């Protein structure tokens, strides 16, 4: 059975909304999607100032969990 398909922008938007609801970290980091065959995951990147802010490591850890959850529910378009 195939999973519903979402665009990268839709998935990243869903991740940002979940992060806002569940993590108390800094804004200002980029989220991208890395594909590996049929699977995918989120990657976070930020400048040194953002990385140094309180809550950044926790936000990245939460992003990994969100990506794991969403990748089981959705495929990425294209």
PDB file of N, CA and C in Angstrom:
ATOM      1  N   UNK A   1       0.847  -1.178   0.000  1.00  0.00           N
ATOM      2  CA  UNK A   1       0.000   0.000   0.000  1.00  0.00           C
ATOM      3  C   UNK A   1       0.893   1.242   0.000  1.00  0.00           C
ATOM      4  N   UNK A   2       0.617   2.161  -0.894  1.00  0.00           N
ATOM      5  CA  UNK A   2       1.459   3.351  -0.980  1.00  0.00           C
ATOM      6  C   UNK A   2       0.992   4.421  -0.001  1.00  0.00           C
ATOM      7  N   UNK A   3       1.948   5.255   0.378  1.00  0.00           N
ATOM      8  CA  UNK A   3       1.664   6.342   1.320  1.00  0.00           C
ATOM      9  C   UNK A   3       1.231   7.573   0.536  1.00  0.00           C
ATOM     10  N   UNK A   4       0.487   8.476   1.181  1.00  0.00           N
ATOM     11  CA  UNK A   4       0.161   9.752   0.528  1.00  0.00           C
ATOM     12  C   UNK A   4       1.448  10.505   0.199  1.00  0.00           C
ATOM     13  N   UNK A   5       1.390  11.316  -0.843  1.00  0.00           N
ATOM     14  CA  UNK A   5       2.566  12.061  -1.294  1.00  0.00           C
ATOM     15  C   UNK A   5       2.423  13.530  -0.910  1.00  0.00           C
ATOM     16  N   UNK A   6       3.495  14.094  -0.355  1.00  0.00           N
ATOM     17  CA  UNK A   6       3.553  15.519  -0.010  1.00  0.00           C
ATOM     18  C   UNK A   6       4.784  16.120  -0.675  1.00  0.00           C
ATOM     19  N   UNK A   7       4.725  17.419  -0.936  1.00  0.00           N
ATOM     20  CA  UNK A   7       5.903  18.108  -1.460  1.00  0.00           C
ATOM     21  C   UNK A   7       6.884  18.354  -0.315  1.00  0.00           C
ATOM     22  N   UNK A   8       8.127  18.663  -0.666  1.00  0.00           N
ATOM     23  CA  UNK A   8       9.119  18.992   0.357  1.00  0.00           C
ATOM     24  C   UNK A   8       8.639  20.178   1.187  1.00  0.00           C
ATOM     25  N   UNK A   9       8.080  21.196   0.531  1.00  0.00           N
ATOM     26  CA  UNK A   9       7.610  22.386   1.242  1.00  0.00           C
ATOM     27  C   UNK A   9       6.502  22.037   2.236  1.00  0.00           C
ATOM     28  N   UNK A  10       5.591  21.149   1.846  1.00  0.00           N
ATOM     29  CA  UNK A  10       4.517  20.741   2.753  1.00  0.00           C
ATOM     30  C   UNK A  10       5.078  20.014   3.978  1.00  0.00           C
ATOM     31  N   UNK A  11       6.010  19.099   3.743  1.00  0.00           N
ATOM     32  CA  UNK A  11       6.596  18.338   4.848  1.00  0.00           C
ATOM     33  C   UNK A  11       7.403  19.233   5.785  1.00  0.00           C
ATOM     34  N   UNK A  12       8.173  20.146   5.223  1.00  0.00           N
ATOM     35  CA  UNK A  12       8.960  21.072   6.041  1.00  0.00           C
ATOM     36  C   UNK A  12       8.023  21.978   6.843  1.00  0.00           C
ATOM     37  N   UNK A  13       6.926  22.418   6.230  1.00  0.00           N
ATOM     38  CA  UNK A  13       5.929  23.220   6.939  1.00  0.00           C
ATOM     39  C   UNK A  13       5.309  22.452   8.094  1.00  0.00           C
ATOM     40  N   UNK A  14       5.022  21.182   7.882  1.00  0.00           N
ATOM     41  CA  UNK A  14       4.472  20.343   8.945  1.00  0.00           C
ATOM     42  C   UNK A  14       5.491  20.202  10.082  1.00  0.00           C
ATOM     43  N   UNK A  15       6.758  20.024   9.732  1.00  0.00           N
ATOM     44  CA  UNK A  15       7.805  19.888  10.752  1.00  0.00           C
ATOM     45  C   UNK A  15       7.944  21.177  11.555  1.00  0.00           C
ATOM     46  N   UNK A  16       7.939  22.316  10.870  1.00  0.00           N
ATOM     47  CA  UNK A  16       8.063  23.597  11.580  1.00  0.00           C
ATOM     48  C   UNK A  16       6.890  23.807  12.542  1.00  0.00           C
ATOM     49  N   UNK A  17       5.689  23.444  12.117  1.00  0.00           N
ATOM     50  CA  UNK A  17       4.515  23.594  12.976  1.00  0.00           C
ATOM     51  C   UNK A  17       4.639  22.706  14.212  1.00  0.00           C
ATOM     52  N   UNK A  18       5.098  21.474  14.033  1.00  0.00           N
ATOM     53  CA  UNK A  18       5.270  20.576  15.177  1.00  0.00           C
ATOM     54  C   UNK A  18       6.375  21.067  16.101  1.00  0.00           C
ATOM     55  N   UNK A  19       7.461  21.577  15.521  1.00  0.00           N
ATOM     56  CA  UNK A  19       8.547  22.113  16.348  1.00  0.00           C
ATOM     57  C   UNK A  19       8.059  23.273  17.205  1.00  0.00           C
ATOM     58  N   UNK A  20       7.275  24.171  16.611  1.00  0.00           N
ATOM     59  CA  UNK A  20       6.744  25.310  17.359  1.00  0.00           C
ATOM     60  C   UNK A  20       5.876  24.843  18.522  1.00  0.00           C
ATOM     61  N   UNK A  21       5.118  23.776  18.296  1.00  0.00           N
ATOM     62  CA  UNK A  21       4.202  23.274  19.313  1.00  0.00           C
ATOM     63  C   UNK A  21       4.917  22.510  20.425  1.00  0.00           C
ATOM     64  N   UNK A  22       6.053  21.874  20.117  1.00  0.00           N
ATOM     65  CA  UNK A  22       6.654  20.944  21.071  1.00  0.00           C
ATOM     66  C   UNK A  22       8.060  21.293  21.534  1.00  0.00           C
ATOM     67  N   UNK A  23       8.757  22.173  20.859  1.00  0.00           N
ATOM     68  CA  UNK A  23      10.140  22.476  21.228  1.00  0.00           C
ATOM     69  C   UNK A  23      10.273  23.961  21.541  1.00  0.00           C
ATOM     70  N   UNK A  24      11.131  24.260  22.479  1.00  0.00           N
ATOM     71  CA  UNK A  24      11.333  25.651  22.880  1.00  0.00           C
ATOM     72  C   UNK A  24      12.723  26.106  22.439  1.00  0.00           C
ATOM     73  N   UNK A  25      13.019  25.904  21.167  1.00  0.00           N
ATOM     74  CA  UNK A  25      14.337  26.249  20.648  1.00  0.00           C
ATOM     75  C   UNK A  25      14.301  27.497  19.793  1.00  0.00           C
ATOM     76  N   UNK A  26      15.447  27.852  19.249  1.00  0.00           N
ATOM     77  CA  UNK A  26      15.539  29.063  18.438  1.00  0.00           C
ATOM     78  C   UNK A  26      14.909  28.881  17.054  1.00  0.00           C
ATOM     79  N   UNK A  27      14.457  29.994  16.497  1.00  0.00           N
ATOM     80  CA  UNK A  27      14.061  30.003  15.087  1.00  0.00           C
ATOM     81  C   UNK A  27      15.318  30.278  14.278  1.00  0.00           C
ATOM     82  N   UNK A  28      15.206  30.266  12.991  1.00  0.00           N
ATOM     83  CA  UNK A  28      16.321  30.706  12.165  1.00  0.00           C
ATOM     84  C   UNK A  28      17.236  29.607  11.671  1.00  0.00           C
ATOM     85  N   UNK A  29      16.812  28.358  11.791  1.00  0.00           N
ATOM     86  CA  UNK A  29      17.631  27.325  11.160  1.00  0.00           C
ATOM     87  C   UNK A  29      16.873  26.746   9.975  1.00  0.00           C
ATOM     88  N   UNK A  30      17.641  26.301   9.005  1.00  0.00           N
ATOM     89  CA  UNK A  30      17.060  25.757   7.782  1.00  0.00           C
ATOM     90  C   UNK A  30      16.771  24.274   7.955  1.00  0.00           C
ATOM     91  N   UNK A  31      15.680  23.847   7.330  1.00  0.00           N
ATOM     92  CA  UNK A  31      15.327  22.430   7.315  1.00  0.00           C
ATOM     93  C   UNK A  31      15.299  22.000   5.853  1.00  0.00           C
ATOM     94  N   UNK A  32      15.984  20.912   5.560  1.00  0.00           N
ATOM     95  CA  UNK A  32      15.955  20.354   4.211  1.00  0.00           C
ATOM     96  C   UNK A  32      15.609  18.873   4.305  1.00  0.00           C
ATOM     97  N   UNK A  33      15.321  18.285   3.163  1.00  0.00           N
ATOM     98  CA  UNK A  33      15.000  16.858   3.103  1.00  0.00           C
ATOM     99  C   UNK A  33      16.095  16.149   2.322  1.00  0.00           C
ATOM    100  N   UNK A  34      16.600  15.089   2.927  1.00  0.00           N
ATOM    101  CA  UNK A  34      17.616  14.238   2.296  1.00  0.00           C
ATOM    102  C   UNK A  34      16.933  12.929   1.919  1.00  0.00           C
ATOM    103  N   UNK A  35      17.054  12.553   0.667  1.00  0.00           N
ATOM    104  CA  UNK A  35      16.433  11.317   0.202  1.00  0.00           C
ATOM    105  C   UNK A  35      17.482  10.221   0.066  1.00  0.00           C
ATOM    106  N   UNK A  36      17.048   9.017   0.376  1.00  0.00           N
ATOM    107  CA  UNK A  36      17.908   7.848   0.231  1.00  0.00           C
ATOM    108  C   UNK A  36      17.052   6.715  -0.312  1.00  0.00           C
ATOM    109  N   UNK A  37      17.059   6.558  -1.626  1.00  0.00           N
ATOM    110  CA  UNK A  37      16.192   5.561  -2.246  1.00  0.00           C
ATOM    111  C   UNK A  37      14.740   5.936  -2.039  1.00  0.00           C
ATOM    112  N   UNK A  38      13.978   5.038  -1.416  1.00  0.00           N
ATOM    113  CA  UNK A  38      12.565   5.291  -1.160  1.00  0.00           C
ATOM    114  C   UNK A  38      12.320   6.003   0.170  1.00  0.00           C
ATOM    115  N   UNK A  39      13.359   6.168   0.967  1.00  0.00           N
ATOM    116  CA  UNK A  39      13.172   6.813   2.259  1.00  0.00           C
ATOM    117  C   UNK A  39      13.691   8.249   2.231  1.00  0.00           C
ATOM    118  N   UNK A  40      13.365   9.006   3.265  1.00  0.00           N
ATOM    119  CA  UNK A  40      13.825  10.393   3.372  1.00  0.00           C
ATOM    120  C   UNK A  40      13.901  10.768   4.845  1.00  0.00           C
ATOM    121  N   UNK A  41      14.648  11.840   5.119  1.00  0.00           N
ATOM    122  CA  UNK A  41      14.731  12.371   6.480  1.00  0.00           C
ATOM    123  C   UNK A  41      15.025  13.856   6.424  1.00  0.00           C
ATOM    124  N   UNK A  42      14.766  14.533   7.540  1.00  0.00           N
ATOM    125  CA  UNK A  42      15.055  15.958   7.633  1.00  0.00           C
ATOM    126  C   UNK A  42      16.504  16.186   8.031  1.00  0.00           C
ATOM    127  N   UNK A  43      17.048  17.315   7.593  1.00  0.00           N
ATOM    128  CA  UNK A  43      18.361  17.791   8.032  1.00  0.00           C
ATOM    129  C   UNK A  43      18.209  19.246   8.452  1.00  0.00           C
ATOM    130  N   UNK A  44      18.850  19.591   9.546  1.00  0.00           N
ATOM    131  CA  UNK A  44      18.859  20.976  10.016  1.00  0.00           C
ATOM    132  C   UNK A  44      20.229  21.572   9.763  1.00  0.00           C
ATOM    133  N   UNK A  45      20.248  22.844   9.402  1.00  0.00           N
ATOM    134  CA  UNK A  45      21.513  23.563   9.268  1.00  0.00           C
ATOM    135  C   UNK A  45      21.300  24.988   9.762  1.00  0.00           C
ATOM    136  N   UNK A  46      22.368  25.530  10.354  1.00  0.00           N
ATOM    137  CA  UNK A  46      22.262  26.871  10.927  1.00  0.00           C
ATOM    138  C   UNK A  46      23.648  27.480  11.049  1.00  0.00           C
ATOM    139  N   UNK A  47      23.673  28.809  11.187  1.00  0.00           N
ATOM    140  CA  UNK A  47      24.949  29.475  11.419  1.00  0.00           C
ATOM    141  C   UNK A  47      25.392  29.240  12.871  1.00  0.00           C
ATOM    142  N   UNK A  48      26.635  29.565  13.154  1.00  0.00           N
ATOM    143  CA  UNK A  48      27.210  29.289  14.473  1.00  0.00           C
ATOM    144  C   UNK A  48      26.442  29.975  15.598  1.00  0.00           C
ATOM    145  N   UNK A  49      25.943  31.178  15.369  1.00  0.00           N
ATOM    146  CA  UNK A  49      25.209  31.904  16.406  1.00  0.00           C
ATOM    147  C   UNK A  49      23.917  31.177  16.775  1.00  0.00           C
ATOM    148  N   UNK A  50      23.220  30.649  15.779  1.00  0.00           N
ATOM    149  CA  UNK A  50      21.981  29.917  16.048  1.00  0.00           C
ATOM    150  C   UNK A  50      22.281  28.601  16.744  1.00  0.00           C
ATOM    151  N   UNK A  51      23.328  27.913  16.291  1.00  0.00           N
ATOM    152  CA  UNK A  51      23.717  26.630  16.903  1.00  0.00           C
ATOM    153  C   UNK A  51      24.046  26.823  18.384  1.00  0.00           C
ATOM    154  N   UNK A  52      24.605  27.967  18.732  1.00  0.00           N
ATOM    155  CA  UNK A  52      25.011  28.240  20.116  1.00  0.00           C
ATOM    156  C   UNK A  52      23.839  28.617  21.024  1.00  0.00           C
ATOM    157  N   UNK A  53      22.676  28.891  20.461  1.00  0.00           N
ATOM    158  CA  UNK A  53      21.532  29.317  21.276  1.00  0.00           C
ATOM    159  C   UNK A  53      20.979  28.154  22.100  1.00  0.00           C
ATOM    160  N   UNK A  54      20.443  28.492  23.285  1.00  0.00           N
ATOM    161  CA  UNK A  54      19.824  27.448  24.114  1.00  0.00           C
ATOM    162  C   UNK A  54      18.666  26.778  23.357  1.00  0.00           C
ATOM    163  N   UNK A  55      18.579  25.479  23.488  1.00  0.00           N
ATOM    164  CA  UNK A  55      17.480  24.737  22.878  1.00  0.00           C
ATOM    165  C   UNK A  55      17.748  24.236  21.475  1.00  0.00           C
ATOM    166  N   UNK A  56      18.851  24.671  20.843  1.00  0.00           N
ATOM    167  CA  UNK A  56      19.105  24.211  19.465  1.00  0.00           C
ATOM    168  C   UNK A  56      19.294  22.692  19.392  1.00  0.00           C
ATOM    169  N   UNK A  57      20.142  22.094  20.244  1.00  0.00           N
ATOM    170  CA  UNK A  57      20.299  20.628  20.146  1.00  0.00           C
ATOM    171  C   UNK A  57      18.991  19.876  20.358  1.00  0.00           C
ATOM    172  N   UNK A  58      18.179  20.371  21.286  1.00  0.00           N
ATOM    173  CA  UNK A  58      16.889  19.738  21.541  1.00  0.00           C
ATOM    174  C   UNK A  58      15.950  19.868  20.341  1.00  0.00           C
ATOM    175  N   UNK A  59      16.008  21.018  19.667  1.00  0.00           N
ATOM    176  CA  UNK A  59      15.178  21.214  18.468  1.00  0.00           C
ATOM    177  C   UNK A  59      15.598  20.269  17.355  1.00  0.00           C
ATOM    178  N   UNK A  60      16.890  20.073  17.186  1.00  0.00           N
ATOM    179  CA  UNK A  60      17.374  19.152  16.152  1.00  0.00           C
ATOM    180  C   UNK A  60      16.960  17.720  16.491  1.00  0.00           C
ATOM    181  N   UNK A  61      17.076  17.345  17.759  1.00  0.00           N
ATOM    182  CA  UNK A  61      16.648  16.006  18.170  1.00  0.00           C
ATOM    183  C   UNK A  61      15.156  15.814  17.920  1.00  0.00           C
ATOM    184  N   UNK A  62      14.372  16.838  18.214  1.00  0.00           N
ATOM    185  CA  UNK A  62      12.934  16.773  17.977  1.00  0.00           C
ATOM    186  C   UNK A  62      12.647  16.679  16.479  1.00  0.00           C
ATOM    187  N   UNK A  63      13.416  17.409  15.667  1.00  0.00           N
ATOM    188  CA  UNK A  63      13.242  17.355  14.217  1.00  0.00           C
ATOM    189  C   UNK A  63      13.485  15.940  13.692  1.00  0.00           C
ATOM    190  N   UNK A  64      14.483  15.264  14.233  1.00  0.00           N
ATOM    191  CA  UNK A  64      14.766  13.879  13.831  1.00  0.00           C
ATOM    192  C   UNK A  64      13.560  12.990  14.159  1.00  0.00           C
ATOM    193  N   UNK A  65      12.995  13.161  15.349  1.00  0.00           N
ATOM    194  CA  UNK A  65      11.830  12.364  15.739  1.00  0.00           C
ATOM    195  C   UNK A  65      10.625  12.668  14.847  1.00  0.00           C
ATOM    196  N   UNK A  66      10.418  13.938  14.552  1.00  0.00           N
ATOM    197  CA  UNK A  66       9.305  14.337  13.673  1.00  0.00           C
ATOM    198  C   UNK A  66       9.499  13.723  12.288  1.00  0.00           C
ATOM    199  N   UNK A  67      10.721  13.796  11.767  1.00  0.00           N
ATOM    200  CA  UNK A  67      11.008  13.222  10.462  1.00  0.00           C
ATOM    201  C   UNK A  67      10.779  11.727  10.424  1.00  0.00           C
ATOM    202  N   UNK A  68      11.168  11.043  11.492  1.00  0.00           N
ATOM    203  CA  UNK A  68      10.955   9.599  11.562  1.00  0.00           C
ATOM    204  C   UNK A  68       9.468   9.285  11.508  1.00  0.00           C
ATOM    205  N   UNK A  69       8.702  10.044  12.253  1.00  0.00           N
ATOM    206  CA  UNK A  69       7.248   9.869  12.296  1.00  0.00           C
ATOM    207  C   UNK A  69       6.606  10.169  10.932  1.00  0.00           C
ATOM    208  N   UNK A  70       6.959  11.309  10.342  1.00  0.00           N
ATOM    209  CA  UNK A  70       6.349  11.714   9.073  1.00  0.00           C
ATOM    210  C   UNK A  70       6.782  10.834   7.904  1.00  0.00           C
ATOM    211  N   UNK A  71       8.026  10.355   7.932  1.00  0.00           N
ATOM    212  CA  UNK A  71       8.506   9.530   6.814  1.00  0.00           C
ATOM    213  C   UNK A  71       7.793   8.179   6.771  1.00  0.00           C
ATOM    214  N   UNK A  72       7.234   7.764   7.902  1.00  0.00           N
ATOM    215  CA  UNK A  72       6.459   6.530   7.911  1.00  0.00           C
ATOM    216  C   UNK A  72       5.047   6.748   7.371  1.00  0.00           C
ATOM    217  N   UNK A  73       4.616   8.020   7.348  1.00  0.00           N
ATOM    218  CA  UNK A  73       3.265   8.348   6.896  1.00  0.00           C
ATOM    219  C   UNK A  73       3.201   8.864   5.465  1.00  0.00           C
ATOM    220  N   UNK A  74       4.291   9.538   5.004  1.00  0.00           N
ATOM    221  CA  UNK A  74       4.238  10.211   3.706  1.00  0.00           C
ATOM    222  C   UNK A  74       5.477   9.931   2.862  1.00  0.00           C
ATOM    223  N   UNK A  75       5.259   9.910   1.565  1.00  0.00           N
ATOM    224  CA  UNK A  75       6.355   9.911   0.600  1.00  0.00           C
ATOM    225  C   UNK A  75       6.550  11.351   0.126  1.00  0.00           C
ATOM    226  N   UNK A  76       7.744  11.615  -0.409  1.00  0.00           N
ATOM    227  CA  UNK A  76       8.063  12.953  -0.932  1.00  0.00           C
ATOM    228  C   UNK A  76       7.804  12.967  -2.429  1.00  0.00           C
ATOM    229  N   UNK A  77       7.143  14.014  -2.884  1.00  0.00           N
ATOM    230  CA  UNK A  77       6.847  14.176  -4.310  1.00  0.00           C
ATOM    231  C   UNK A  77       8.142  14.442  -5.085  1.00  0.00           C
ATOM    232  N   UNK A  78       8.211  13.798  -6.251  1.00  0.00           N
ATOM    233  CA  UNK A  78       9.268  14.092  -7.198  1.00  0.00           C
ATOM    234  C   UNK A  78      10.562  13.469  -6.867  1.00  0.00           C
TER     235      UNK A  78
END
